[in-house]
């Protein structure tokens, strides 16, 4: 009886110790999941509601209907989706290719202005690109008079603007990762007769695949949901991206159609989610390895 009583008496103490060391983390995790997941559930519920207002969706899944999703076919939603994918994919690929080339040069070569260039990258990335949207707007007006394809209301000009804003921070991020690749690999390849281009394309890029995937993913996500610059530069509805087009549906308080907006928001999350899941195995390694050296 004495041993059984002592065992029962130890249980409250063990539970308190477990909660103080581990259990509180589970509690914080559950709260964070609920806090982050409720808006998503609310948006899905609103997209399936019959009415076009958010106030009618306060009771989750009170009505379930696919009318809002079917109504998207009669709008420019899929045109906006195609425009967004073209801009986001082109920006992500361009950021990876151009940023990797710049990071490789900073990491492997020693030239005058190298340290100044790295410092300039740090300073530039402190200022958000949206601070310069007035200057960008005026620049594209003047540039459009010379090269119409690079003026206002052009997806190509929008891609160029996005590339200019993304290269600073991503180049510096990749530079830290490139420094973790031993230089002895380059020297061994040179002894075997490989050129700088062969070393870069066949060896270095393969070894730095995690950071390339992370940079491509971050660039894709930031471009996919960007609104301010796209709203300033793109003027015709056929060239709008998803962020601009969806905002147009709810910009008027009297004619706002939240049903279409939430249905479009749910569908637009699918490409980002799919890309995130596809590149998930690279994310942790790509973000942490570059912070060790550099």
C-alpha atoms as a PDB file:
ATOM      1  CA  UNK A   1       0.000   0.000   0.000  1.00  0.00           C
ATOM      2  CA  UNK A   2       2.828   2.391   0.835  1.00  0.00           C
ATOM      3  CA  UNK A   3       4.542   1.938  -2.534  1.00  0.00           C
ATOM      4  CA  UNK A   4       1.246   2.320  -4.407  1.00  0.00           C
ATOM      5  CA  UNK A   5       0.448   5.493  -2.473  1.00  0.00           C
ATOM      6  CA  UNK A   6       3.877   6.928  -3.222  1.00  0.00           C
ATOM      7  CA  UNK A   7       3.462   6.089  -6.933  1.00  0.00           C
ATOM      8  CA  UNK A   8       0.108   7.865  -7.051  1.00  0.00           C
ATOM      9  CA  UNK A   9       1.573  10.827  -5.191  1.00  0.00           C
ATOM     10  CA  UNK A  10       4.348  11.177  -7.769  1.00  0.00           C
ATOM     11  CA  UNK A  11       1.937  11.454 -10.702  1.00  0.00           C
ATOM     12  CA  UNK A  12       0.880  15.104 -10.120  1.00  0.00           C
ATOM     13  CA  UNK A  13       4.520  16.080  -9.795  1.00  0.00           C
ATOM     14  CA  UNK A  14       5.458  14.253 -12.992  1.00  0.00           C
ATOM     15  CA  UNK A  15       2.614  15.876 -14.897  1.00  0.00           C
ATOM     16  CA  UNK A  16       3.623  19.327 -13.660  1.00  0.00           C
ATOM     17  CA  UNK A  17       7.223  18.694 -14.678  1.00  0.00           C
ATOM     18  CA  UNK A  18       6.153  17.368 -18.099  1.00  0.00           C
ATOM     19  CA  UNK A  19       3.987  20.432 -18.705  1.00  0.00           C
ATOM     20  CA  UNK A  20       6.716  22.881 -17.616  1.00  0.00           C
ATOM     21  CA  UNK A  21       9.297  21.253 -19.893  1.00  0.00           C
ATOM     22  CA  UNK A  22       7.340  19.972 -22.898  1.00  0.00           C
ATOM     23  CA  UNK A  23       3.602  20.318 -22.494  1.00  0.00           C
ATOM     24  CA  UNK A  24       3.464  24.113 -22.766  1.00  0.00           C
ATOM     25  CA  UNK A  25       5.001  23.852 -26.238  1.00  0.00           C
ATOM     26  CA  UNK A  26       2.125  21.674 -27.399  1.00  0.00           C
ATOM     27  CA  UNK A  27      -0.325  24.199 -25.968  1.00  0.00           C
ATOM     28  CA  UNK A  28       1.378  27.080 -27.791  1.00  0.00           C
ATOM     29  CA  UNK A  29       1.422  25.039 -30.993  1.00  0.00           C
ATOM     30  CA  UNK A  30      -2.300  24.289 -30.772  1.00  0.00           C
ATOM     31  CA  UNK A  31      -3.098  27.961 -30.160  1.00  0.00           C
ATOM     32  CA  UNK A  32      -0.931  28.996 -33.121  1.00  0.00           C
ATOM     33  CA  UNK A  33      -2.603  26.461 -35.436  1.00  0.00           C
ATOM     34  CA  UNK A  34      -6.082  27.603 -34.414  1.00  0.00           C
ATOM     35  CA  UNK A  35      -5.109  31.267 -34.740  1.00  0.00           C
ATOM     36  CA  UNK A  36      -3.626  30.757 -38.214  1.00  0.00           C
ATOM     37  CA  UNK A  37      -6.212  28.265 -39.437  1.00  0.00           C
ATOM     38  CA  UNK A  38      -9.435  30.050 -38.507  1.00  0.00           C
ATOM     39  CA  UNK A  39      -9.116  32.785 -41.206  1.00  0.00           C
ATOM     40  CA  UNK A  40      -8.516  30.063 -43.793  1.00  0.00           C
ATOM     41  CA  UNK A  41     -11.590  28.135 -42.683  1.00  0.00           C
ATOM     42  CA  UNK A  42     -13.619  31.357 -42.720  1.00  0.00           C
ATOM     43  CA  UNK A  43     -12.520  32.172 -46.288  1.00  0.00           C
ATOM     44  CA  UNK A  44     -13.415  28.668 -47.491  1.00  0.00           C
ATOM     45  CA  UNK A  45     -16.798  28.956 -45.769  1.00  0.00           C
ATOM     46  CA  UNK A  46     -17.445  32.352 -47.376  1.00  0.00           C
ATOM     47  CA  UNK A  47     -16.509  31.002 -50.814  1.00  0.00           C
ATOM     48  CA  UNK A  48     -19.124  28.249 -50.456  1.00  0.00           C
ATOM     49  CA  UNK A  49     -21.878  30.547 -49.139  1.00  0.00           C
ATOM     50  CA  UNK A  50     -24.800  31.517 -51.360  1.00  0.00           C
ATOM     51  CA  UNK A  51     -24.661  35.241 -50.605  1.00  0.00           C
ATOM     52  CA  UNK A  52     -21.981  37.647 -51.713  1.00  0.00           C
ATOM     53  CA  UNK A  53     -21.314  39.221 -48.319  1.00  0.00           C
ATOM     54  CA  UNK A  54     -18.997  38.278 -45.484  1.00  0.00           C
ATOM     55  CA  UNK A  55     -21.552  39.059 -42.790  1.00  0.00           C
ATOM     56  CA  UNK A  56     -23.742  36.233 -44.055  1.00  0.00           C
ATOM     57  CA  UNK A  57     -20.881  33.785 -43.492  1.00  0.00           C
ATOM     58  CA  UNK A  58     -20.498  34.330 -39.766  1.00  0.00           C
ATOM     59  CA  UNK A  59     -22.015  30.892 -39.219  1.00  0.00           C
ATOM     60  CA  UNK A  60     -19.418  28.608 -40.756  1.00  0.00           C
ATOM     61  CA  UNK A  61     -20.641  26.377 -43.586  1.00  0.00           C
ATOM     62  CA  UNK A  62     -24.276  27.328 -42.985  1.00  0.00           C
ATOM     63  CA  UNK A  63     -24.802  26.799 -46.710  1.00  0.00           C
ATOM     64  CA  UNK A  64     -22.604  24.945 -49.165  1.00  0.00           C
ATOM     65  CA  UNK A  65     -22.769  25.818 -52.838  1.00  0.00           C
ATOM     66  CA  UNK A  66     -20.358  25.917 -55.760  1.00  0.00           C
ATOM     67  CA  UNK A  67     -22.073  28.890 -57.385  1.00  0.00           C
ATOM     68  CA  UNK A  68     -19.201  31.285 -56.651  1.00  0.00           C
ATOM     69  CA  UNK A  69     -16.651  28.950 -58.226  1.00  0.00           C
ATOM     70  CA  UNK A  70     -18.862  28.409 -61.271  1.00  0.00           C
ATOM     71  CA  UNK A  71     -19.313  32.176 -61.629  1.00  0.00           C
ATOM     72  CA  UNK A  72     -15.564  32.632 -62.029  1.00  0.00           C
ATOM     73  CA  UNK A  73     -15.842  31.242 -65.547  1.00  0.00           C
ATOM     74  CA  UNK A  74     -17.791  34.350 -66.602  1.00  0.00           C
ATOM     75  CA  UNK A  75     -15.068  36.722 -65.391  1.00  0.00           C
ATOM     76  CA  UNK A  76     -11.442  37.474 -66.305  1.00  0.00           C
ATOM     77  CA  UNK A  77     -10.237  35.420 -63.356  1.00  0.00           C
ATOM     78  CA  UNK A  78      -8.441  32.770 -65.423  1.00  0.00           C
ATOM     79  CA  UNK A  79      -6.796  35.455 -67.545  1.00  0.00           C
ATOM     80  CA  UNK A  80      -5.516  37.082 -64.371  1.00  0.00           C
ATOM     81  CA  UNK A  81      -4.351  33.695 -63.127  1.00  0.00           C
ATOM     82  CA  UNK A  82      -2.392  33.097 -66.338  1.00  0.00           C
ATOM     83  CA  UNK A  83      -0.848  36.592 -66.159  1.00  0.00           C
ATOM     84  CA  UNK A  84       0.173  36.029 -62.544  1.00  0.00           C
ATOM     85  CA  UNK A  85       1.731  32.652 -63.251  1.00  0.00           C
ATOM     86  CA  UNK A  86       3.699  34.030 -66.206  1.00  0.00           C
ATOM     87  CA  UNK A  87       5.015  36.961 -64.167  1.00  0.00           C
ATOM     88  CA  UNK A  88       5.743  34.884 -61.052  1.00  0.00           C
ATOM     89  CA  UNK A  89       7.466  32.014 -62.881  1.00  0.00           C
ATOM     90  CA  UNK A  90       9.552  34.374 -65.034  1.00  0.00           C
ATOM     91  CA  UNK A  91      10.540  36.436 -61.994  1.00  0.00           C
ATOM     92  CA  UNK A  92      11.394  33.366 -59.930  1.00  0.00           C
ATOM     93  CA  UNK A  93      13.499  31.803 -62.698  1.00  0.00           C
ATOM     94  CA  UNK A  94      15.211  35.105 -63.513  1.00  0.00           C
ATOM     95  CA  UNK A  95      15.994  35.766 -59.863  1.00  0.00           C
ATOM     96  CA  UNK A  96      17.573  32.328 -59.460  1.00  0.00           C
ATOM     97  CA  UNK A  97      19.680  32.545 -62.628  1.00  0.00           C
ATOM     98  CA  UNK A  98      20.845  36.138 -62.223  1.00  0.00           C
ATOM     99  CA  UNK A  99      21.252  35.973 -58.454  1.00  0.00           C
ATOM    100  CA  UNK A 100      23.211  32.721 -58.608  1.00  0.00           C
ATOM    101  CA  UNK A 101      25.592  34.167 -61.198  1.00  0.00           C
ATOM    102  CA  UNK A 102      26.186  37.283 -59.086  1.00  0.00           C
ATOM    103  CA  UNK A 103      26.594  35.248 -55.882  1.00  0.00           C
ATOM    104  CA  UNK A 104      29.103  32.934 -57.601  1.00  0.00           C
ATOM    105  CA  UNK A 105      31.149  35.910 -58.762  1.00  0.00           C
ATOM    106  CA  UNK A 106      31.186  37.465 -55.279  1.00  0.00           C
ATOM    107  CA  UNK A 107      32.041  34.151 -53.664  1.00  0.00           C
ATOM    108  CA  UNK A 108      34.730  32.818 -56.002  1.00  0.00           C
ATOM    109  CA  UNK A 109      36.454  35.847 -57.551  1.00  0.00           C
ATOM    110  CA  UNK A 110      38.417  38.708 -56.010  1.00  0.00           C
ATOM    111  CA  UNK A 111      38.053  42.009 -57.846  1.00  0.00           C
ATOM    112  CA  UNK A 112      38.059  45.711 -57.104  1.00  0.00           C
ATOM    113  CA  UNK A 113      34.737  46.909 -55.740  1.00  0.00           C
ATOM    114  CA  UNK A 114      33.762  43.492 -54.406  1.00  0.00           C
ATOM    115  CA  UNK A 115      33.426  44.568 -50.779  1.00  0.00           C
ATOM    116  CA  UNK A 116      31.708  47.811 -51.793  1.00  0.00           C
ATOM    117  CA  UNK A 117      29.258  45.813 -53.901  1.00  0.00           C
ATOM    118  CA  UNK A 118      28.383  43.500 -51.006  1.00  0.00           C
ATOM    119  CA  UNK A 119      27.861  46.487 -48.731  1.00  0.00           C
ATOM    120  CA  UNK A 120      25.658  48.131 -51.349  1.00  0.00           C
ATOM    121  CA  UNK A 121      23.507  44.981 -51.496  1.00  0.00           C
ATOM    122  CA  UNK A 122      23.018  45.145 -47.724  1.00  0.00           C
ATOM    123  CA  UNK A 123      22.035  48.804 -47.869  1.00  0.00           C
ATOM    124  CA  UNK A 124      19.696  48.419 -50.856  1.00  0.00           C
ATOM    125  CA  UNK A 125      17.736  45.576 -49.297  1.00  0.00           C
ATOM    126  CA  UNK A 126      16.903  47.782 -46.289  1.00  0.00           C
ATOM    127  CA  UNK A 127      14.518  49.847 -48.408  1.00  0.00           C
ATOM    128  CA  UNK A 128      11.326  48.223 -49.749  1.00  0.00           C
ATOM    129  CA  UNK A 129      10.841  48.464 -53.495  1.00  0.00           C
ATOM    130  CA  UNK A 130       7.411  50.038 -53.058  1.00  0.00           C
ATOM    131  CA  UNK A 131       9.093  53.209 -51.764  1.00  0.00           C
ATOM    132  CA  UNK A 132      10.277  53.866 -55.319  1.00  0.00           C
ATOM    133  CA  UNK A 133       7.009  53.218 -57.160  1.00  0.00           C
ATOM    134  CA  UNK A 134       6.664  56.896 -58.126  1.00  0.00           C
ATOM    135  CA  UNK A 135      10.162  56.899 -59.635  1.00  0.00           C
ATOM    136  CA  UNK A 136       9.457  53.561 -61.347  1.00  0.00           C
ATOM    137  CA  UNK A 137       6.222  54.938 -62.789  1.00  0.00           C
ATOM    138  CA  UNK A 138       7.953  58.007 -64.234  1.00  0.00           C
ATOM    139  CA  UNK A 139      10.860  55.914 -65.522  1.00  0.00           C
ATOM    140  CA  UNK A 140       8.563  53.529 -67.401  1.00  0.00           C
ATOM    141  CA  UNK A 141       6.650  56.429 -68.940  1.00  0.00           C
ATOM    142  CA  UNK A 142       9.884  57.767 -70.418  1.00  0.00           C
ATOM    143  CA  UNK A 143      11.159  54.310 -71.352  1.00  0.00           C
ATOM    144  CA  UNK A 144       7.876  53.466 -73.073  1.00  0.00           C
ATOM    145  CA  UNK A 145       8.390  56.342 -75.491  1.00  0.00           C
ATOM    146  CA  UNK A 146      11.587  54.659 -76.701  1.00  0.00           C
ATOM    147  CA  UNK A 147      10.755  50.957 -76.241  1.00  0.00           C
ATOM    148  CA  UNK A 148       6.957  50.484 -76.108  1.00  0.00           C
ATOM    149  CA  UNK A 149       7.287  46.932 -74.822  1.00  0.00           C
ATOM    150  CA  UNK A 150       8.992  48.199 -71.660  1.00  0.00           C
ATOM    151  CA  UNK A 151       6.519  50.959 -70.881  1.00  0.00           C
ATOM    152  CA  UNK A 152       3.430  51.033 -68.721  1.00  0.00           C
ATOM    153  CA  UNK A 153       0.790  48.302 -68.931  1.00  0.00           C
ATOM    154  CA  UNK A 154       3.354  45.663 -69.898  1.00  0.00           C
ATOM    155  CA  UNK A 155       3.971  42.364 -68.137  1.00  0.00           C
ATOM    156  CA  UNK A 156       7.565  42.418 -69.372  1.00  0.00           C
ATOM    157  CA  UNK A 157       8.241  45.747 -67.682  1.00  0.00           C
ATOM    158  CA  UNK A 158       6.624  44.441 -64.481  1.00  0.00           C
ATOM    159  CA  UNK A 159       8.929  41.404 -64.546  1.00  0.00           C
ATOM    160  CA  UNK A 160      11.966  43.662 -64.979  1.00  0.00           C
ATOM    161  CA  UNK A 161      10.887  45.793 -62.019  1.00  0.00           C
ATOM    162  CA  UNK A 162      10.404  42.723 -59.845  1.00  0.00           C
ATOM    163  CA  UNK A 163      13.810  41.359 -60.851  1.00  0.00           C
ATOM    164  CA  UNK A 164      15.494  44.613 -59.911  1.00  0.00           C
ATOM    165  CA  UNK A 165      13.948  44.553 -56.469  1.00  0.00           C
ATOM    166  CA  UNK A 166      14.605  40.871 -55.760  1.00  0.00           C
ATOM    167  CA  UNK A 167      18.243  40.555 -56.805  1.00  0.00           C
ATOM    168  CA  UNK A 168      19.720  42.437 -53.834  1.00  0.00           C
ATOM    169  CA  UNK A 169      18.536  40.355 -50.896  1.00  0.00           C
ATOM    170  CA  UNK A 170      18.548  37.048 -52.793  1.00  0.00           C
ATOM    171  CA  UNK A 171      22.076  37.540 -54.116  1.00  0.00           C
ATOM    172  CA  UNK A 172      23.347  38.131 -50.606  1.00  0.00           C
ATOM    173  CA  UNK A 173      21.432  35.086 -49.345  1.00  0.00           C
ATOM    174  CA  UNK A 174      22.932  32.863 -52.051  1.00  0.00           C
ATOM    175  CA  UNK A 175      26.384  34.365 -51.493  1.00  0.00           C
ATOM    176  CA  UNK A 176      26.427  33.016 -47.937  1.00  0.00           C
ATOM    177  CA  UNK A 177      25.430  29.554 -49.165  1.00  0.00           C
ATOM    178  CA  UNK A 178      28.002  29.548 -51.992  1.00  0.00           C
ATOM    179  CA  UNK A 179      30.724  30.200 -49.415  1.00  0.00           C
ATOM    180  CA  UNK A 180      29.902  26.865 -47.751  1.00  0.00           C
ATOM    181  CA  UNK A 181      30.916  24.995 -50.914  1.00  0.00           C
ATOM    182  CA  UNK A 182      34.646  24.133 -50.550  1.00  0.00           C
ATOM    183  CA  UNK A 183      36.949  25.838 -53.036  1.00  0.00           C
ATOM    184  CA  UNK A 184      38.926  22.611 -53.286  1.00  0.00           C
ATOM    185  CA  UNK A 185      36.135  21.229 -55.473  1.00  0.00           C
ATOM    186  CA  UNK A 186      36.691  24.045 -57.960  1.00  0.00           C
ATOM    187  CA  UNK A 187      40.443  23.514 -57.914  1.00  0.00           C
ATOM    188  CA  UNK A 188      40.076  19.778 -58.488  1.00  0.00           C
ATOM    189  CA  UNK A 189      37.767  20.423 -61.426  1.00  0.00           C
ATOM    190  CA  UNK A 190      40.255  22.920 -62.912  1.00  0.00           C
ATOM    191  CA  UNK A 191      43.002  20.317 -62.683  1.00  0.00           C
ATOM    192  CA  UNK A 192      40.774  17.964 -64.670  1.00  0.00           C
ATOM    193  CA  UNK A 193      40.443  20.636 -67.338  1.00  0.00           C
ATOM    194  CA  UNK A 194      37.020  22.099 -66.492  1.00  0.00           C
ATOM    195  CA  UNK A 195      36.360  25.741 -67.325  1.00  0.00           C
ATOM    196  CA  UNK A 196      34.652  28.264 -65.032  1.00  0.00           C
ATOM    197  CA  UNK A 197      31.395  27.784 -66.930  1.00  0.00           C
ATOM    198  CA  UNK A 198      31.546  23.998 -66.565  1.00  0.00           C
ATOM    199  CA  UNK A 199      32.337  24.285 -62.858  1.00  0.00           C
ATOM    200  CA  UNK A 200      29.455  26.700 -62.369  1.00  0.00           C
ATOM    201  CA  UNK A 201      26.773  24.824 -64.323  1.00  0.00           C
ATOM    202  CA  UNK A 202      27.668  21.204 -63.578  1.00  0.00           C
ATOM    203  CA  UNK A 203      29.126  21.325 -60.055  1.00  0.00           C
ATOM    204  CA  UNK A 204      28.336  24.457 -58.066  1.00  0.00           C
ATOM    205  CA  UNK A 205      24.692  24.794 -59.063  1.00  0.00           C
ATOM    206  CA  UNK A 206      24.035  21.141 -58.218  1.00  0.00           C
ATOM    207  CA  UNK A 207      25.644  21.504 -54.792  1.00  0.00           C
ATOM    208  CA  UNK A 208      23.680  24.674 -54.075  1.00  0.00           C
ATOM    209  CA  UNK A 209      20.299  23.312 -55.197  1.00  0.00           C
ATOM    210  CA  UNK A 210      18.663  23.890 -51.753  1.00  0.00           C
ATOM    211  CA  UNK A 211      19.267  27.639 -51.739  1.00  0.00           C
ATOM    212  CA  UNK A 212      18.253  27.911 -55.394  1.00  0.00           C
ATOM    213  CA  UNK A 213      14.945  26.238 -54.544  1.00  0.00           C
ATOM    214  CA  UNK A 214      14.399  28.526 -51.550  1.00  0.00           C
ATOM    215  CA  UNK A 215      15.151  31.688 -53.522  1.00  0.00           C
ATOM    216  CA  UNK A 216      12.880  30.573 -56.353  1.00  0.00           C
ATOM    217  CA  UNK A 217      10.069  29.791 -53.914  1.00  0.00           C
ATOM    218  CA  UNK A 218      10.376  33.077 -52.006  1.00  0.00           C
ATOM    219  CA  UNK A 219      10.544  35.072 -55.220  1.00  0.00           C
ATOM    220  CA  UNK A 220       7.511  33.243 -56.632  1.00  0.00           C
ATOM    221  CA  UNK A 221       5.428  33.796 -53.485  1.00  0.00           C
ATOM    222  CA  UNK A 222       6.309  37.484 -53.095  1.00  0.00           C
ATOM    223  CA  UNK A 223       5.594  38.170 -56.775  1.00  0.00           C
ATOM    224  CA  UNK A 224       2.403  36.125 -56.819  1.00  0.00           C
ATOM    225  CA  UNK A 225       0.757  38.248 -54.141  1.00  0.00           C
ATOM    226  CA  UNK A 226       2.318  41.653 -54.861  1.00  0.00           C
ATOM    227  CA  UNK A 227      -0.264  44.407 -55.312  1.00  0.00           C
ATOM    228  CA  UNK A 228       1.056  47.981 -55.122  1.00  0.00           C
ATOM    229  CA  UNK A 229       3.538  48.006 -58.001  1.00  0.00           C
ATOM    230  CA  UNK A 230       1.303  45.819 -60.185  1.00  0.00           C
ATOM    231  CA  UNK A 231      -1.633  48.159 -59.573  1.00  0.00           C
ATOM    232  CA  UNK A 232       0.443  51.196 -60.548  1.00  0.00           C
ATOM    233  CA  UNK A 233       2.000  49.725 -63.700  1.00  0.00           C
ATOM    234  CA  UNK A 234      -0.788  47.553 -65.139  1.00  0.00           C
ATOM    235  CA  UNK A 235      -3.700  49.639 -66.411  1.00  0.00           C
ATOM    236  CA  UNK A 236      -5.830  47.391 -68.629  1.00  0.00           C
ATOM    237  CA  UNK A 237      -7.890  44.596 -67.080  1.00  0.00           C
ATOM    238  CA  UNK A 238      -6.564  42.007 -69.535  1.00  0.00           C
ATOM    239  CA  UNK A 239      -3.057  42.549 -68.153  1.00  0.00           C
ATOM    240  CA  UNK A 240      -3.985  42.601 -64.459  1.00  0.00           C
ATOM    241  CA  UNK A 241      -2.575  40.076 -62.028  1.00  0.00           C
ATOM    242  CA  UNK A 242      -4.682  38.207 -59.492  1.00  0.00           C
ATOM    243  CA  UNK A 243      -4.004  40.610 -56.644  1.00  0.00           C
ATOM    244  CA  UNK A 244      -5.138  43.596 -58.718  1.00  0.00           C
ATOM    245  CA  UNK A 245      -8.118  41.798 -60.211  1.00  0.00           C
ATOM    246  CA  UNK A 246      -9.426  40.398 -56.928  1.00  0.00           C
ATOM    247  CA  UNK A 247      -9.111  43.800 -55.310  1.00  0.00           C
ATOM    248  CA  UNK A 248     -11.206  45.278 -58.101  1.00  0.00           C
ATOM    249  CA  UNK A 249     -14.121  43.023 -57.075  1.00  0.00           C
ATOM    250  CA  UNK A 250     -14.242  44.402 -53.524  1.00  0.00           C
ATOM    251  CA  UNK A 251     -12.869  47.936 -53.978  1.00  0.00           C
ATOM    252  CA  UNK A 252     -16.386  49.391 -54.126  1.00  0.00           C
ATOM    253  CA  UNK A 253     -18.221  49.116 -50.820  1.00  0.00           C
ATOM    254  CA  UNK A 254     -21.636  49.085 -52.495  1.00  0.00           C
ATOM    255  CA  UNK A 255     -20.871  46.592 -55.268  1.00  0.00           C
ATOM    256  CA  UNK A 256     -18.361  44.368 -53.448  1.00  0.00           C
ATOM    257  CA  UNK A 257     -18.788  40.695 -54.278  1.00  0.00           C
ATOM    258  CA  UNK A 258     -17.044  38.835 -51.487  1.00  0.00           C
ATOM    259  CA  UNK A 259     -18.277  35.486 -52.756  1.00  0.00           C
ATOM    260  CA  UNK A 260     -16.277  35.768 -55.978  1.00  0.00           C
ATOM    261  CA  UNK A 261     -13.349  37.266 -54.070  1.00  0.00           C
ATOM    262  CA  UNK A 262     -13.087  34.415 -51.580  1.00  0.00           C
ATOM    263  CA  UNK A 263     -13.587  31.772 -54.288  1.00  0.00           C
ATOM    264  CA  UNK A 264     -10.777  33.329 -56.322  1.00  0.00           C
ATOM    265  CA  UNK A 265      -8.596  33.578 -53.218  1.00  0.00           C
ATOM    266  CA  UNK A 266      -9.013  29.877 -52.464  1.00  0.00           C
ATOM    267  CA  UNK A 267      -8.113  28.850 -56.022  1.00  0.00           C
ATOM    268  CA  UNK A 268      -5.164  31.261 -56.181  1.00  0.00           C
ATOM    269  CA  UNK A 269      -3.660  29.638 -53.077  1.00  0.00           C
ATOM    270  CA  UNK A 270      -3.338  26.276 -54.851  1.00  0.00           C
ATOM    271  CA  UNK A 271      -0.231  27.057 -57.016  1.00  0.00           C
ATOM    272  CA  UNK A 272       1.643  28.531 -54.041  1.00  0.00           C
ATOM    273  CA  UNK A 273       0.728  25.587 -51.818  1.00  0.00           C
ATOM    274  CA  UNK A 274       1.695  23.065 -54.495  1.00  0.00           C
ATOM    275  CA  UNK A 275       5.080  24.695 -55.081  1.00  0.00           C
ATOM    276  CA  UNK A 276       5.705  24.941 -51.341  1.00  0.00           C
ATOM    277  CA  UNK A 277       4.989  21.242 -50.821  1.00  0.00           C
ATOM    278  CA  UNK A 278       7.148  20.302 -53.814  1.00  0.00           C
ATOM    279  CA  UNK A 279      10.161  22.277 -52.530  1.00  0.00           C
ATOM    280  CA  UNK A 280       9.582  21.707 -48.818  1.00  0.00           C
ATOM    281  CA  UNK A 281      12.548  19.349 -48.404  1.00  0.00           C
ATOM    282  CA  UNK A 282      14.936  22.131 -49.519  1.00  0.00           C
ATOM    283  CA  UNK A 283      13.571  24.934 -47.360  1.00  0.00           C
ATOM    284  CA  UNK A 284      15.178  24.214 -43.967  1.00  0.00           C
ATOM    285  CA  UNK A 285      18.589  23.327 -45.382  1.00  0.00           C
ATOM    286  CA  UNK A 286      18.585  26.225 -47.803  1.00  0.00           C
ATOM    287  CA  UNK A 287      17.738  28.841 -45.195  1.00  0.00           C
ATOM    288  CA  UNK A 288      20.096  27.615 -42.451  1.00  0.00           C
ATOM    289  CA  UNK A 289      23.241  26.535 -44.320  1.00  0.00           C
ATOM    290  CA  UNK A 290      23.950  29.985 -45.710  1.00  0.00           C
ATOM    291  CA  UNK A 291      23.955  31.547 -42.253  1.00  0.00           C
ATOM    292  CA  UNK A 292      26.929  29.505 -41.016  1.00  0.00           C
ATOM    293  CA  UNK A 293      29.634  31.077 -43.136  1.00  0.00           C
ATOM    294  CA  UNK A 294      29.840  34.167 -45.251  1.00  0.00           C
END
